[in-house]
PDB file of N, CA and C in Angstrom:
ATOM      1  N   UNK A   1      -1.066  -2.051  18.615  1.00  0.00           N
ATOM      2  CA  UNK A   1      -0.927  -0.775  18.016  1.00  0.00           C
ATOM      3  C   UNK A   1      -1.701  -0.725  16.728  1.00  0.00           C
ATOM      4  N   UNK A   2      -2.298   0.455  16.477  1.00  0.00           N
ATOM      5  CA  UNK A   2      -3.006   0.679  15.169  1.00  0.00           C
ATOM      6  C   UNK A   2      -2.183   1.498  14.278  1.00  0.00           C
ATOM      7  N   UNK A   3      -2.123   1.138  12.987  1.00  0.00           N
ATOM      8  CA  UNK A   3      -1.360   1.826  12.034  1.00  0.00           C
ATOM      9  C   UNK A   3      -2.239   2.297  10.849  1.00  0.00           C
ATOM     10  N   UNK A   4      -2.088   3.575  10.446  1.00  0.00           N
ATOM     11  CA  UNK A   4      -2.788   4.056   9.316  1.00  0.00           C
ATOM     12  C   UNK A   4      -1.756   4.380   8.251  1.00  0.00           C
ATOM     13  N   UNK A   5      -1.829   3.612   7.143  1.00  0.00           N
ATOM     14  CA  UNK A   5      -0.837   3.771   6.118  1.00  0.00           C
ATOM     15  C   UNK A   5      -1.248   4.760   5.034  1.00  0.00           C
ATOM     16  N   UNK A   6      -0.324   5.646   4.673  1.00  0.00           N
ATOM     17  CA  UNK A   6      -0.702   6.592   3.567  1.00  0.00           C
ATOM     18  C   UNK A   6      -0.356   5.816   2.235  1.00  0.00           C
ATOM     19  N   UNK A   7      -0.622   6.421   1.146  1.00  0.00           N
ATOM     20  CA  UNK A   7      -0.460   5.838  -0.174  1.00  0.00           C
ATOM     21  C   UNK A   7       0.964   5.393  -0.434  1.00  0.00           C
ATOM     22  N   UNK A   8       1.960   6.261  -0.172  1.00  0.00           N
ATOM     23  CA  UNK A   8       3.342   5.895  -0.389  1.00  0.00           C
ATOM     24  C   UNK A   8       3.751   4.665   0.457  1.00  0.00           C
ATOM     25  N   UNK A   9       3.388   4.699   1.720  1.00  0.00           N
ATOM     26  CA  UNK A   9       3.801   3.578   2.616  1.00  0.00           C
ATOM     27  C   UNK A   9       3.164   2.248   2.136  1.00  0.00           C
ATOM     28  N   UNK A  10       1.905   2.288   1.734  1.00  0.00           N
ATOM     29  CA  UNK A  10       1.258   1.134   1.280  1.00  0.00           C
ATOM     30  C   UNK A  10       1.959   0.594   0.010  1.00  0.00           C
ATOM     31  N   UNK A  11       2.229   1.479  -0.915  1.00  0.00           N
ATOM     32  CA  UNK A  11       2.909   1.044  -2.187  1.00  0.00           C
ATOM     33  C   UNK A  11       4.286   0.568  -1.904  1.00  0.00           C
ATOM     34  N   UNK A  12       5.030   1.185  -1.007  1.00  0.00           N
ATOM     35  CA  UNK A  12       6.372   0.728  -0.661  1.00  0.00           C
ATOM     36  C   UNK A  12       6.301  -0.618   0.003  1.00  0.00           C
ATOM     37  N   UNK A  13       5.274  -0.816   0.879  1.00  0.00           N
ATOM     38  CA  UNK A  13       5.137  -2.137   1.601  1.00  0.00           C
ATOM     39  C   UNK A  13       4.878  -3.224   0.557  1.00  0.00           C
ATOM     40  N   UNK A  14       3.983  -2.964  -0.346  1.00  0.00           N
ATOM     41  CA  UNK A  14       3.594  -3.954  -1.375  1.00  0.00           C
ATOM     42  C   UNK A  14       4.779  -4.337  -2.299  1.00  0.00           C
ATOM     43  N   UNK A  15       5.640  -3.279  -2.536  1.00  0.00           N
ATOM     44  CA  UNK A  15       6.741  -3.452  -3.450  1.00  0.00           C
ATOM     45  C   UNK A  15       8.070  -3.841  -2.727  1.00  0.00           C
ATOM     46  N   UNK A  16       7.993  -3.957  -1.367  1.00  0.00           N
ATOM     47  CA  UNK A  16       9.216  -4.173  -0.575  1.00  0.00           C
ATOM     48  C   UNK A  16      10.335  -3.166  -0.933  1.00  0.00           C
ATOM     49  N   UNK A  17       9.863  -1.960  -0.990  1.00  0.00           N
ATOM     50  CA  UNK A  17      10.746  -0.820  -1.411  1.00  0.00           C
ATOM     51  C   UNK A  17      11.771  -0.525  -0.289  1.00  0.00           C
ATOM     52  N   UNK A  18      13.057  -0.258  -0.620  1.00  0.00           N
ATOM     53  CA  UNK A  18      14.060  -0.022   0.410  1.00  0.00           C
ATOM     54  C   UNK A  18      13.837   1.323   1.157  1.00  0.00           C
ATOM     55  N   UNK A  19      12.950   2.239   0.653  1.00  0.00           N
ATOM     56  CA  UNK A  19      12.695   3.461   1.346  1.00  0.00           C
ATOM     57  C   UNK A  19      11.911   3.273   2.641  1.00  0.00           C
ATOM     58  N   UNK A  20      11.252   2.116   2.745  1.00  0.00           N
ATOM     59  CA  UNK A  20      10.557   1.781   3.935  1.00  0.00           C
ATOM     60  C   UNK A  20      11.478   1.119   4.909  1.00  0.00           C
ATOM     61  N   UNK A  21      11.602   1.701   6.111  1.00  0.00           N
ATOM     62  CA  UNK A  21      12.549   1.200   7.127  1.00  0.00           C
ATOM     63  C   UNK A  21      12.211  -0.206   7.613  1.00  0.00           C
ATOM     64  N   UNK A  22      13.182  -0.902   8.083  1.00  0.00           N
ATOM     65  CA  UNK A  22      12.952  -2.214   8.670  1.00  0.00           C
ATOM     66  C   UNK A  22      11.981  -2.188   9.795  1.00  0.00           C
ATOM     67  N   UNK A  23      12.070  -1.125  10.640  1.00  0.00           N
ATOM     68  CA  UNK A  23      11.207  -0.967  11.746  1.00  0.00           C
ATOM     69  C   UNK A  23       9.729  -0.805  11.289  1.00  0.00           C
ATOM     70  N   UNK A  24       9.543   0.002  10.215  1.00  0.00           N
ATOM     71  CA  UNK A  24       8.191   0.115   9.677  1.00  0.00           C
ATOM     72  C   UNK A  24       7.697  -1.195   9.045  1.00  0.00           C
ATOM     73  N   UNK A  25       8.518  -1.867   8.311  1.00  0.00           N
ATOM     74  CA  UNK A  25       8.111  -3.151   7.739  1.00  0.00           C
ATOM     75  C   UNK A  25       7.753  -4.159   8.833  1.00  0.00           C
ATOM     76  N   UNK A  26       8.487  -4.168   9.888  1.00  0.00           N
ATOM     77  CA  UNK A  26       8.246  -5.096  11.030  1.00  0.00           C
ATOM     78  C   UNK A  26       6.892  -4.729  11.661  1.00  0.00           C
ATOM     79  N   UNK A  27       6.641  -3.438  11.842  1.00  0.00           N
ATOM     80  CA  UNK A  27       5.406  -3.035  12.511  1.00  0.00           C
ATOM     81  C   UNK A  27       4.182  -3.391  11.633  1.00  0.00           C
ATOM     82  N   UNK A  28       4.250  -3.204  10.309  1.00  0.00           N
ATOM     83  CA  UNK A  28       3.204  -3.544   9.425  1.00  0.00           C
ATOM     84  C   UNK A  28       2.968  -5.038   9.389  1.00  0.00           C
ATOM     85  N   UNK A  29       4.006  -5.811   9.377  1.00  0.00           N
ATOM     86  CA  UNK A  29       3.929  -7.273   9.306  1.00  0.00           C
ATOM     87  C   UNK A  29       3.520  -7.937  10.644  1.00  0.00           C
ATOM     88  N   UNK A  30       3.650  -7.215  11.744  1.00  0.00           N
ATOM     89  CA  UNK A  30       3.329  -7.785  13.050  1.00  0.00           C
ATOM     90  C   UNK A  30       1.852  -8.034  13.123  1.00  0.00           C
ATOM     91  N   UNK A  31       1.429  -9.285  13.234  1.00  0.00           N
ATOM     92  CA  UNK A  31      -0.007  -9.627  13.290  1.00  0.00           C
ATOM     93  C   UNK A  31      -0.708  -9.118  14.477  1.00  0.00           C
ATOM     94  N   UNK A  32      -0.017  -8.626  15.519  1.00  0.00           N
ATOM     95  CA  UNK A  32      -0.656  -8.035  16.673  1.00  0.00           C
ATOM     96  C   UNK A  32      -1.144  -6.562  16.392  1.00  0.00           C
ATOM     97  N   UNK A  33      -0.648  -5.986  15.314  1.00  0.00           N
ATOM     98  CA  UNK A  33      -1.033  -4.617  14.999  1.00  0.00           C
ATOM     99  C   UNK A  33      -2.166  -4.610  14.031  1.00  0.00           C
ATOM    100  N   UNK A  34      -3.007  -3.602  14.159  1.00  0.00           N
ATOM    101  CA  UNK A  34      -4.091  -3.395  13.171  1.00  0.00           C
ATOM    102  C   UNK A  34      -3.656  -2.394  12.129  1.00  0.00           C
ATOM    103  N   UNK A  35      -3.784  -2.774  10.883  1.00  0.00           N
ATOM    104  CA  UNK A  35      -3.313  -1.918   9.767  1.00  0.00           C
ATOM    105  C   UNK A  35      -4.477  -1.423   9.010  1.00  0.00           C
ATOM    106  N   UNK A  36      -4.585  -0.112   8.873  1.00  0.00           N
ATOM    107  CA  UNK A  36      -5.676   0.502   8.217  1.00  0.00           C
ATOM    108  C   UNK A  36      -5.188   1.342   6.972  1.00  0.00           C
ATOM    109  N   UNK A  37      -6.050   1.433   5.953  1.00  0.00           N
ATOM    110  CA  UNK A  37      -5.774   2.426   4.897  1.00  0.00           C
ATOM    111  C   UNK A  37      -7.088   3.166   4.654  1.00  0.00           C
ATOM    112  N   UNK A  38      -6.960   4.382   4.234  1.00  0.00           N
ATOM    113  CA  UNK A  38      -8.139   5.212   3.982  1.00  0.00           C
ATOM    114  C   UNK A  38      -8.653   4.879   2.560  1.00  0.00           C
ATOM    115  N   UNK A  39      -9.916   5.118   2.373  1.00  0.00           N
ATOM    116  CA  UNK A  39     -10.468   5.014   1.017  1.00  0.00           C
ATOM    117  C   UNK A  39      -9.787   5.939   0.031  1.00  0.00           C
ATOM    118  N   UNK A  40      -9.229   7.064   0.574  1.00  0.00           N
ATOM    119  CA  UNK A  40      -8.511   8.040  -0.230  1.00  0.00           C
ATOM    120  C   UNK A  40      -7.250   7.388  -0.865  1.00  0.00           C
ATOM    121  N   UNK A  41      -6.694   6.392  -0.232  1.00  0.00           N
ATOM    122  CA  UNK A  41      -5.499   5.762  -0.758  1.00  0.00           C
ATOM    123  C   UNK A  41      -5.876   5.055  -2.063  1.00  0.00           C
ATOM    124  N   UNK A  42      -7.009   4.353  -2.140  1.00  0.00           N
ATOM    125  CA  UNK A  42      -7.455   3.687  -3.316  1.00  0.00           C
ATOM    126  C   UNK A  42      -7.686   4.743  -4.398  1.00  0.00           C
ATOM    127  N   UNK A  43      -8.297   5.817  -4.108  1.00  0.00           N
ATOM    128  CA  UNK A  43      -8.531   6.923  -5.027  1.00  0.00           C
ATOM    129  C   UNK A  43      -7.248   7.447  -5.577  1.00  0.00           C
ATOM    130  N   UNK A  44      -6.231   7.657  -4.741  1.00  0.00           N
ATOM    131  CA  UNK A  44      -4.935   8.172  -5.198  1.00  0.00           C
ATOM    132  C   UNK A  44      -4.231   7.186  -6.047  1.00  0.00           C
ATOM    133  N   UNK A  45      -4.338   5.904  -5.778  1.00  0.00           N
ATOM    134  CA  UNK A  45      -3.706   4.870  -6.565  1.00  0.00           C
ATOM    135  C   UNK A  45      -4.344   4.845  -7.969  1.00  0.00           C
ATOM    136  N   UNK A  46      -5.648   4.929  -8.036  1.00  0.00           N
ATOM    137  CA  UNK A  46      -6.370   4.926  -9.320  1.00  0.00           C
ATOM    138  C   UNK A  46      -6.001   6.168 -10.129  1.00  0.00           C
ATOM    139  N   UNK A  47      -5.828   7.306  -9.517  1.00  0.00           N
ATOM    140  CA  UNK A  47      -5.422   8.565 -10.209  1.00  0.00           C
ATOM    141  C   UNK A  47      -4.012   8.320 -10.803  1.00  0.00           C
ATOM    142  N   UNK A  48      -3.060   7.851  -9.968  1.00  0.00           N
ATOM    143  CA  UNK A  48      -1.664   7.567 -10.466  1.00  0.00           C
ATOM    144  C   UNK A  48      -1.733   6.599 -11.691  1.00  0.00           C
ATOM    145  N   UNK A  49      -2.594   5.596 -11.574  1.00  0.00           N
ATOM    146  CA  UNK A  49      -2.687   4.599 -12.643  1.00  0.00           C
ATOM    147  C   UNK A  49      -3.235   5.297 -13.932  1.00  0.00           C
ATOM    148  N   UNK A  50      -4.249   6.106 -13.758  1.00  0.00           N
ATOM    149  CA  UNK A  50      -4.850   6.784 -14.942  1.00  0.00           C
ATOM    150  C   UNK A  50      -3.914   7.752 -15.631  1.00  0.00           C
ATOM    151  N   UNK A  51      -2.978   8.373 -14.823  1.00  0.00           N
ATOM    152  CA  UNK A  51      -2.001   9.330 -15.359  1.00  0.00           C
ATOM    153  C   UNK A  51      -0.783   8.583 -15.944  1.00  0.00           C
ATOM    154  N   UNK A  52      -0.768   7.248 -15.808  1.00  0.00           N
ATOM    155  CA  UNK A  52       0.359   6.457 -16.307  1.00  0.00           C
ATOM    156  C   UNK A  52       1.554   6.480 -15.427  1.00  0.00           C
ATOM    157  N   UNK A  53       1.389   6.939 -14.157  1.00  0.00           N
ATOM    158  CA  UNK A  53       2.515   7.004 -13.219  1.00  0.00           C
ATOM    159  C   UNK A  53       2.638   5.723 -12.363  1.00  0.00           C
ATOM    160  N   UNK A  54       1.706   4.815 -12.503  1.00  0.00           N
ATOM    161  CA  UNK A  54       1.689   3.618 -11.701  1.00  0.00           C
ATOM    162  C   UNK A  54       1.071   2.473 -12.498  1.00  0.00           C
ATOM    163  N   UNK A  55       1.838   1.385 -12.595  1.00  0.00           N
ATOM    164  CA  UNK A  55       1.304   0.196 -13.284  1.00  0.00           C
ATOM    165  C   UNK A  55       0.798  -0.767 -12.244  1.00  0.00           C
ATOM    166  N   UNK A  56      -0.410  -1.181 -12.412  1.00  0.00           N
ATOM    167  CA  UNK A  56      -1.047  -2.134 -11.520  1.00  0.00           C
ATOM    168  C   UNK A  56      -1.256  -3.421 -12.273  1.00  0.00           C
ATOM    169  N   UNK A  57      -0.788  -4.547 -11.801  1.00  0.00           N
ATOM    170  CA  UNK A  57      -0.979  -5.816 -12.506  1.00  0.00           C
ATOM    171  C   UNK A  57      -2.468  -6.146 -12.713  1.00  0.00           C
ATOM    172  N   UNK A  58      -2.833  -6.604 -13.845  1.00  0.00           N
ATOM    173  CA  UNK A  58      -4.214  -6.978 -14.169  1.00  0.00           C
ATOM    174  C   UNK A  58      -4.544  -8.280 -13.364  1.00  0.00           C
ATOM    175  N   UNK A  59      -5.616  -8.217 -12.620  1.00  0.00           N
ATOM    176  CA  UNK A  59      -6.064  -9.368 -11.844  1.00  0.00           C
ATOM    177  C   UNK A  59      -6.993 -10.188 -12.764  1.00  0.00           C
ATOM    178  N   UNK A  60      -7.001 -11.470 -12.611  1.00  0.00           N
ATOM    179  CA  UNK A  60      -7.913 -12.270 -13.435  1.00  0.00           C
ATOM    180  C   UNK A  60      -9.362 -11.982 -13.075  1.00  0.00           C
ATOM    181  N   UNK A  61     -10.166 -12.038 -14.080  1.00  0.00           N
ATOM    182  CA  UNK A  61     -11.610 -11.746 -13.889  1.00  0.00           C
ATOM    183  C   UNK A  61     -12.241 -12.898 -13.206  1.00  0.00           C
ATOM    184  N   UNK A  62     -13.150 -12.571 -12.264  1.00  0.00           N
ATOM    185  CA  UNK A  62     -13.901 -13.596 -11.578  1.00  0.00           C
ATOM    186  C   UNK A  62     -15.167 -13.980 -12.264  1.00  0.00           C
ATOM    187  N   UNK A  63     -15.560 -13.179 -13.263  1.00  0.00           N
ATOM    188  CA  UNK A  63     -16.823 -13.454 -13.998  1.00  0.00           C
ATOM    189  C   UNK A  63     -16.569 -13.568 -15.467  1.00  0.00           C
TER     190      UNK A  63
END
């Protein structure tokens, strides 16, 4: 099965949020399924971060 995650579902998945059903969590975690996100999801996350509505942990610099 192919899954296309929207912004909320991706963030809930990453945060193990209780709003995401067990069935949805299982489908996303199932290695037999292909999970996709749109480039728009990254854009929306960056907008939320810029507005102060979402804190994203700082990743260590590679350079």
